[in-house]
Amino acid sequence: MIANTPQPPYYAVIFTSIRTGVNDDYDDMAGEMFRLAATQEGFLGVESARNKIGITVSYWQSPESIKNWKANTQHMLAQKYGREKWYAKYKVRICKIEHDYEL
């Protein structure tokens, strides 16, 4: 589903990943992180797709809301598990959306 975001400016966190073969609790944690992010102040939406490479883009009102999400205790635990067992490689990019359009 395509996120319904407001008029720019707003911010995007682009999380690109390659998984390991370990699936222990991954789907449950991923679902919980989507639900938890949606309750965070400043959260605007999320889009995610996975084939060989996974890409999740979350949208936020401000850099401060992104910092608060990164520092969320439950999210920090998910990050730890990701580094230790779920991701062979990942990259995070943060950018300011200055213009968007849609059909």
N, C-alpha and C. Protein backbone atom coordinates (compact mmCIF):
# COMPACT_ATOMS: atom_id res chain seq x y z
N MET A 1 0.83 -1.17 0.00
CA MET A 1 0.00 0.00 0.00
C MET A 1 0.90 1.25 0.00
N ILE A 2 0.51 2.26 -0.72
CA ILE A 2 1.25 3.52 -0.78
C ILE A 2 0.79 4.41 0.36
N ALA A 3 1.75 4.94 1.13
CA ALA A 3 1.43 5.79 2.27
C ALA A 3 0.77 7.08 1.82
N ASN A 4 -0.19 7.53 2.58
CA ASN A 4 -0.87 8.79 2.33
C ASN A 4 -0.16 9.88 3.14
N THR A 5 0.78 10.55 2.53
CA THR A 5 1.60 11.54 3.23
C THR A 5 1.05 12.95 3.00
N PRO A 6 1.41 13.89 3.90
CA PRO A 6 0.93 15.26 3.75
C PRO A 6 1.73 16.01 2.68
N GLN A 7 1.38 17.25 2.49
CA GLN A 7 2.17 18.10 1.59
C GLN A 7 3.57 18.26 2.16
N PRO A 8 4.60 18.24 1.31
CA PRO A 8 5.97 18.46 1.79
C PRO A 8 6.11 19.86 2.37
N PRO A 9 7.11 20.06 3.19
CA PRO A 9 8.22 19.14 3.47
C PRO A 9 7.88 18.15 4.59
N TYR A 10 8.48 16.98 4.50
CA TYR A 10 8.48 15.96 5.54
C TYR A 10 9.72 15.12 5.30
N TYR A 11 9.92 14.09 6.09
CA TYR A 11 11.17 13.33 6.04
C TYR A 11 10.91 11.86 5.80
N ALA A 12 11.89 11.20 5.19
CA ALA A 12 11.82 9.76 4.93
C ALA A 12 13.05 9.07 5.50
N VAL A 13 12.81 7.91 6.10
CA VAL A 13 13.90 7.02 6.52
C VAL A 13 13.81 5.81 5.59
N ILE A 14 14.86 5.60 4.83
CA ILE A 14 14.90 4.49 3.87
C ILE A 14 15.82 3.41 4.44
N PHE A 15 15.22 2.27 4.74
CA PHE A 15 15.95 1.14 5.30
C PHE A 15 16.03 0.05 4.24
N THR A 16 17.23 -0.19 3.72
CA THR A 16 17.47 -1.20 2.70
C THR A 16 18.25 -2.34 3.34
N SER A 17 17.82 -3.58 3.08
CA SER A 17 18.45 -4.70 3.78
C SER A 17 18.54 -5.96 2.94
N ILE A 18 19.50 -6.78 3.33
CA ILE A 18 19.63 -8.15 2.83
C ILE A 18 19.56 -9.04 4.06
N ARG A 19 18.66 -9.99 4.03
CA ARG A 19 18.43 -10.87 5.18
C ARG A 19 19.44 -12.01 5.23
N THR A 20 19.64 -12.50 6.45
CA THR A 20 20.33 -13.78 6.63
C THR A 20 19.27 -14.86 6.41
N GLY A 21 19.59 -16.08 6.64
CA GLY A 21 18.60 -17.16 6.54
C GLY A 21 17.81 -17.37 7.82
N VAL A 22 18.11 -16.60 8.85
CA VAL A 22 17.48 -16.78 10.16
C VAL A 22 16.13 -16.07 10.18
N ASN A 23 15.09 -16.82 10.56
CA ASN A 23 13.75 -16.24 10.61
C ASN A 23 13.17 -16.19 12.02
N ASP A 24 13.92 -16.63 13.03
CA ASP A 24 13.42 -16.69 14.40
C ASP A 24 12.71 -15.41 14.81
N ASP A 25 11.39 -15.47 14.91
CA ASP A 25 10.56 -14.35 15.40
C ASP A 25 10.62 -13.09 14.53
N TYR A 26 11.22 -13.17 13.36
CA TYR A 26 11.36 -11.98 12.52
C TYR A 26 10.00 -11.38 12.13
N ASP A 27 9.10 -12.21 11.63
CA ASP A 27 7.80 -11.71 11.17
C ASP A 27 7.02 -11.07 12.31
N ASP A 28 7.06 -11.69 13.48
CA ASP A 28 6.36 -11.13 14.64
C ASP A 28 6.95 -9.77 15.02
N MET A 29 8.27 -9.68 15.05
CA MET A 29 8.92 -8.42 15.42
C MET A 29 8.66 -7.36 14.37
N ALA A 30 8.74 -7.72 13.10
CA ALA A 30 8.49 -6.75 12.04
C ALA A 30 7.07 -6.19 12.16
N GLY A 31 6.10 -7.06 12.38
CA GLY A 31 4.72 -6.61 12.55
C GLY A 31 4.57 -5.69 13.75
N GLU A 32 5.22 -6.06 14.84
CA GLU A 32 5.16 -5.23 16.05
C GLU A 32 5.80 -3.86 15.80
N MET A 33 6.91 -3.81 15.05
CA MET A 33 7.54 -2.53 14.78
C MET A 33 6.66 -1.64 13.91
N PHE A 34 5.96 -2.22 12.94
CA PHE A 34 5.02 -1.43 12.12
C PHE A 34 3.92 -0.85 13.01
N ARG A 35 3.36 -1.69 13.89
CA ARG A 35 2.29 -1.21 14.79
C ARG A 35 2.80 -0.14 15.74
N LEU A 36 3.99 -0.36 16.31
CA LEU A 36 4.56 0.58 17.27
C LEU A 36 4.92 1.91 16.60
N ALA A 37 5.52 1.85 15.42
CA ALA A 37 5.88 3.09 14.71
C ALA A 37 4.65 3.94 14.47
N ALA A 38 3.54 3.29 14.13
CA ALA A 38 2.30 4.02 13.84
C ALA A 38 1.76 4.79 15.04
N THR A 39 2.21 4.44 16.24
CA THR A 39 1.76 5.14 17.45
C THR A 39 2.69 6.27 17.86
N GLN A 40 3.81 6.41 17.18
CA GLN A 40 4.81 7.40 17.56
C GLN A 40 4.43 8.80 17.06
N GLU A 41 4.68 9.78 17.88
CA GLU A 41 4.44 11.16 17.48
C GLU A 41 5.29 11.49 16.26
N GLY A 42 4.68 12.08 15.26
CA GLY A 42 5.40 12.46 14.05
C GLY A 42 5.40 11.42 12.95
N PHE A 43 4.88 10.22 13.21
CA PHE A 43 4.82 9.17 12.19
C PHE A 43 3.76 9.54 11.15
N LEU A 44 4.11 9.40 9.87
CA LEU A 44 3.19 9.75 8.78
C LEU A 44 2.76 8.56 7.94
N GLY A 45 3.56 7.50 7.90
CA GLY A 45 3.22 6.34 7.10
C GLY A 45 4.44 5.49 6.80
N VAL A 46 4.19 4.36 6.14
CA VAL A 46 5.28 3.44 5.82
C VAL A 46 4.93 2.67 4.54
N GLU A 47 5.95 2.32 3.80
CA GLU A 47 5.85 1.47 2.62
C GLU A 47 6.97 0.45 2.69
N SER A 48 6.68 -0.78 2.32
CA SER A 48 7.69 -1.82 2.44
C SER A 48 7.53 -2.87 1.35
N ALA A 49 8.66 -3.36 0.85
CA ALA A 49 8.67 -4.44 -0.15
C ALA A 49 9.93 -5.27 0.07
N ARG A 50 9.80 -6.56 -0.20
CA ARG A 50 10.96 -7.43 -0.07
C ARG A 50 10.94 -8.45 -1.20
N ASN A 51 12.08 -8.58 -1.83
CA ASN A 51 12.35 -9.66 -2.75
C ASN A 51 13.71 -10.16 -2.30
N LYS A 52 14.74 -10.06 -3.09
CA LYS A 52 16.08 -10.40 -2.62
C LYS A 52 16.58 -9.28 -1.69
N ILE A 53 16.25 -8.05 -2.04
CA ILE A 53 16.58 -6.88 -1.22
C ILE A 53 15.28 -6.35 -0.64
N GLY A 54 15.30 -6.01 0.64
CA GLY A 54 14.14 -5.41 1.27
C GLY A 54 14.31 -3.91 1.35
N ILE A 55 13.23 -3.19 1.12
CA ILE A 55 13.24 -1.74 1.25
C ILE A 55 12.01 -1.33 2.05
N THR A 56 12.23 -0.64 3.15
CA THR A 56 11.15 -0.07 3.94
C THR A 56 11.40 1.42 4.04
N VAL A 57 10.40 2.20 3.69
CA VAL A 57 10.49 3.65 3.77
C VAL A 57 9.44 4.10 4.77
N SER A 58 9.88 4.74 5.84
CA SER A 58 8.94 5.32 6.80
C SER A 58 9.01 6.84 6.67
N TYR A 59 7.87 7.48 6.88
CA TYR A 59 7.76 8.92 6.69
C TYR A 59 7.46 9.59 8.03
N TRP A 60 8.13 10.74 8.24
CA TRP A 60 8.08 11.42 9.54
C TRP A 60 7.95 12.92 9.36
N GLN A 61 7.37 13.57 10.36
CA GLN A 61 7.18 15.02 10.31
C GLN A 61 8.48 15.80 10.47
N SER A 62 9.43 15.26 11.23
CA SER A 62 10.62 16.04 11.56
C SER A 62 11.81 15.14 11.88
N PRO A 63 13.01 15.71 11.85
CA PRO A 63 14.18 14.94 12.27
C PRO A 63 14.07 14.50 13.74
N GLU A 64 13.43 15.32 14.57
CA GLU A 64 13.28 14.97 15.99
C GLU A 64 12.41 13.72 16.15
N SER A 65 11.34 13.61 15.34
CA SER A 65 10.49 12.43 15.45
C SER A 65 11.25 11.17 15.01
N ILE A 66 12.14 11.31 14.05
CA ILE A 66 12.98 10.18 13.62
C ILE A 66 13.94 9.78 14.74
N LYS A 67 14.56 10.76 15.38
CA LYS A 67 15.48 10.47 16.49
C LYS A 67 14.75 9.78 17.63
N ASN A 68 13.54 10.24 17.93
CA ASN A 68 12.76 9.62 19.00
C ASN A 68 12.40 8.18 18.66
N TRP A 69 12.08 7.90 17.41
CA TRP A 69 11.77 6.53 17.00
C TRP A 69 13.02 5.66 17.11
N LYS A 70 14.15 6.15 16.66
CA LYS A 70 15.39 5.38 16.75
C LYS A 70 15.72 5.03 18.20
N ALA A 71 15.38 5.93 19.13
CA ALA A 71 15.71 5.74 20.55
C ALA A 71 14.62 5.00 21.32
N ASN A 72 13.51 4.62 20.68
CA ASN A 72 12.45 3.87 21.35
C ASN A 72 13.01 2.55 21.85
N THR A 73 12.73 2.22 23.10
CA THR A 73 13.31 1.03 23.74
C THR A 73 13.00 -0.26 22.98
N GLN A 74 11.75 -0.45 22.58
CA GLN A 74 11.39 -1.66 21.85
C GLN A 74 12.04 -1.68 20.46
N HIS A 75 12.13 -0.51 19.83
CA HIS A 75 12.78 -0.44 18.52
C HIS A 75 14.27 -0.73 18.65
N MET A 76 14.88 -0.26 19.74
CA MET A 76 16.31 -0.55 19.96
C MET A 76 16.55 -2.05 20.10
N LEU A 77 15.62 -2.77 20.74
CA LEU A 77 15.75 -4.22 20.86
C LEU A 77 15.65 -4.88 19.48
N ALA A 78 14.71 -4.42 18.67
CA ALA A 78 14.58 -4.95 17.30
C ALA A 78 15.85 -4.67 16.50
N GLN A 79 16.43 -3.48 16.66
CA GLN A 79 17.68 -3.15 15.97
C GLN A 79 18.80 -4.10 16.38
N LYS A 80 18.87 -4.39 17.67
CA LYS A 80 19.89 -5.31 18.19
C LYS A 80 19.74 -6.69 17.55
N TYR A 81 18.52 -7.23 17.54
CA TYR A 81 18.29 -8.53 16.93
C TYR A 81 18.60 -8.50 15.44
N GLY A 82 18.26 -7.40 14.79
CA GLY A 82 18.55 -7.27 13.37
C GLY A 82 20.04 -7.38 13.09
N ARG A 83 20.83 -6.66 13.88
CA ARG A 83 22.29 -6.71 13.71
C ARG A 83 22.84 -8.10 14.02
N GLU A 84 22.29 -8.73 15.07
CA GLU A 84 22.83 -10.01 15.53
C GLU A 84 22.40 -11.22 14.70
N LYS A 85 21.16 -11.19 14.15
CA LYS A 85 20.73 -12.43 13.50
C LYS A 85 19.91 -12.28 12.22
N TRP A 86 19.22 -11.19 11.97
CA TRP A 86 18.30 -11.14 10.84
C TRP A 86 18.87 -10.52 9.58
N TYR A 87 19.85 -9.62 9.71
CA TYR A 87 20.34 -8.91 8.53
C TYR A 87 21.81 -9.22 8.26
N ALA A 88 22.10 -9.62 7.02
CA ALA A 88 23.48 -9.81 6.60
C ALA A 88 24.11 -8.45 6.29
N LYS A 89 23.27 -7.53 5.81
CA LYS A 89 23.73 -6.18 5.47
C LYS A 89 22.52 -5.26 5.47
N TYR A 90 22.73 -4.03 5.90
CA TYR A 90 21.66 -3.03 5.79
C TYR A 90 22.26 -1.64 5.68
N LYS A 91 21.44 -0.73 5.21
CA LYS A 91 21.85 0.67 5.11
C LYS A 91 20.61 1.51 5.42
N VAL A 92 20.84 2.60 6.15
CA VAL A 92 19.77 3.54 6.49
C VAL A 92 20.11 4.89 5.86
N ARG A 93 19.12 5.46 5.19
CA ARG A 93 19.28 6.79 4.60
C ARG A 93 18.13 7.65 5.11
N ILE A 94 18.43 8.89 5.43
CA ILE A 94 17.41 9.83 5.88
C ILE A 94 17.43 11.02 4.94
N CYS A 95 16.26 11.40 4.46
CA CYS A 95 16.22 12.51 3.52
C CYS A 95 14.98 13.38 3.76
N LYS A 96 15.07 14.59 3.30
CA LYS A 96 13.97 15.53 3.37
C LYS A 96 13.22 15.48 2.05
N ILE A 97 11.92 15.29 2.13
CA ILE A 97 11.06 15.28 0.93
C ILE A 97 10.63 16.72 0.70
N GLU A 98 11.02 17.26 -0.41
CA GLU A 98 10.68 18.64 -0.72
C GLU A 98 9.57 18.75 -1.76
N HIS A 99 9.35 17.66 -2.50
CA HIS A 99 8.34 17.67 -3.55
C HIS A 99 7.84 16.26 -3.75
N ASP A 100 6.54 16.10 -3.93
CA ASP A 100 6.00 14.81 -4.34
C ASP A 100 4.79 15.04 -5.23
N TYR A 101 4.44 14.03 -5.99
CA TYR A 101 3.24 14.09 -6.82
C TYR A 101 2.75 12.67 -7.01
N GLU A 102 1.50 12.52 -7.42
CA GLU A 102 0.94 11.18 -7.55
C GLU A 102 -0.14 11.13 -8.62
N LEU A 103 -0.50 9.93 -8.95
CA LEU A 103 -1.58 9.67 -9.90
C LEU A 103 -2.73 9.07 -9.14
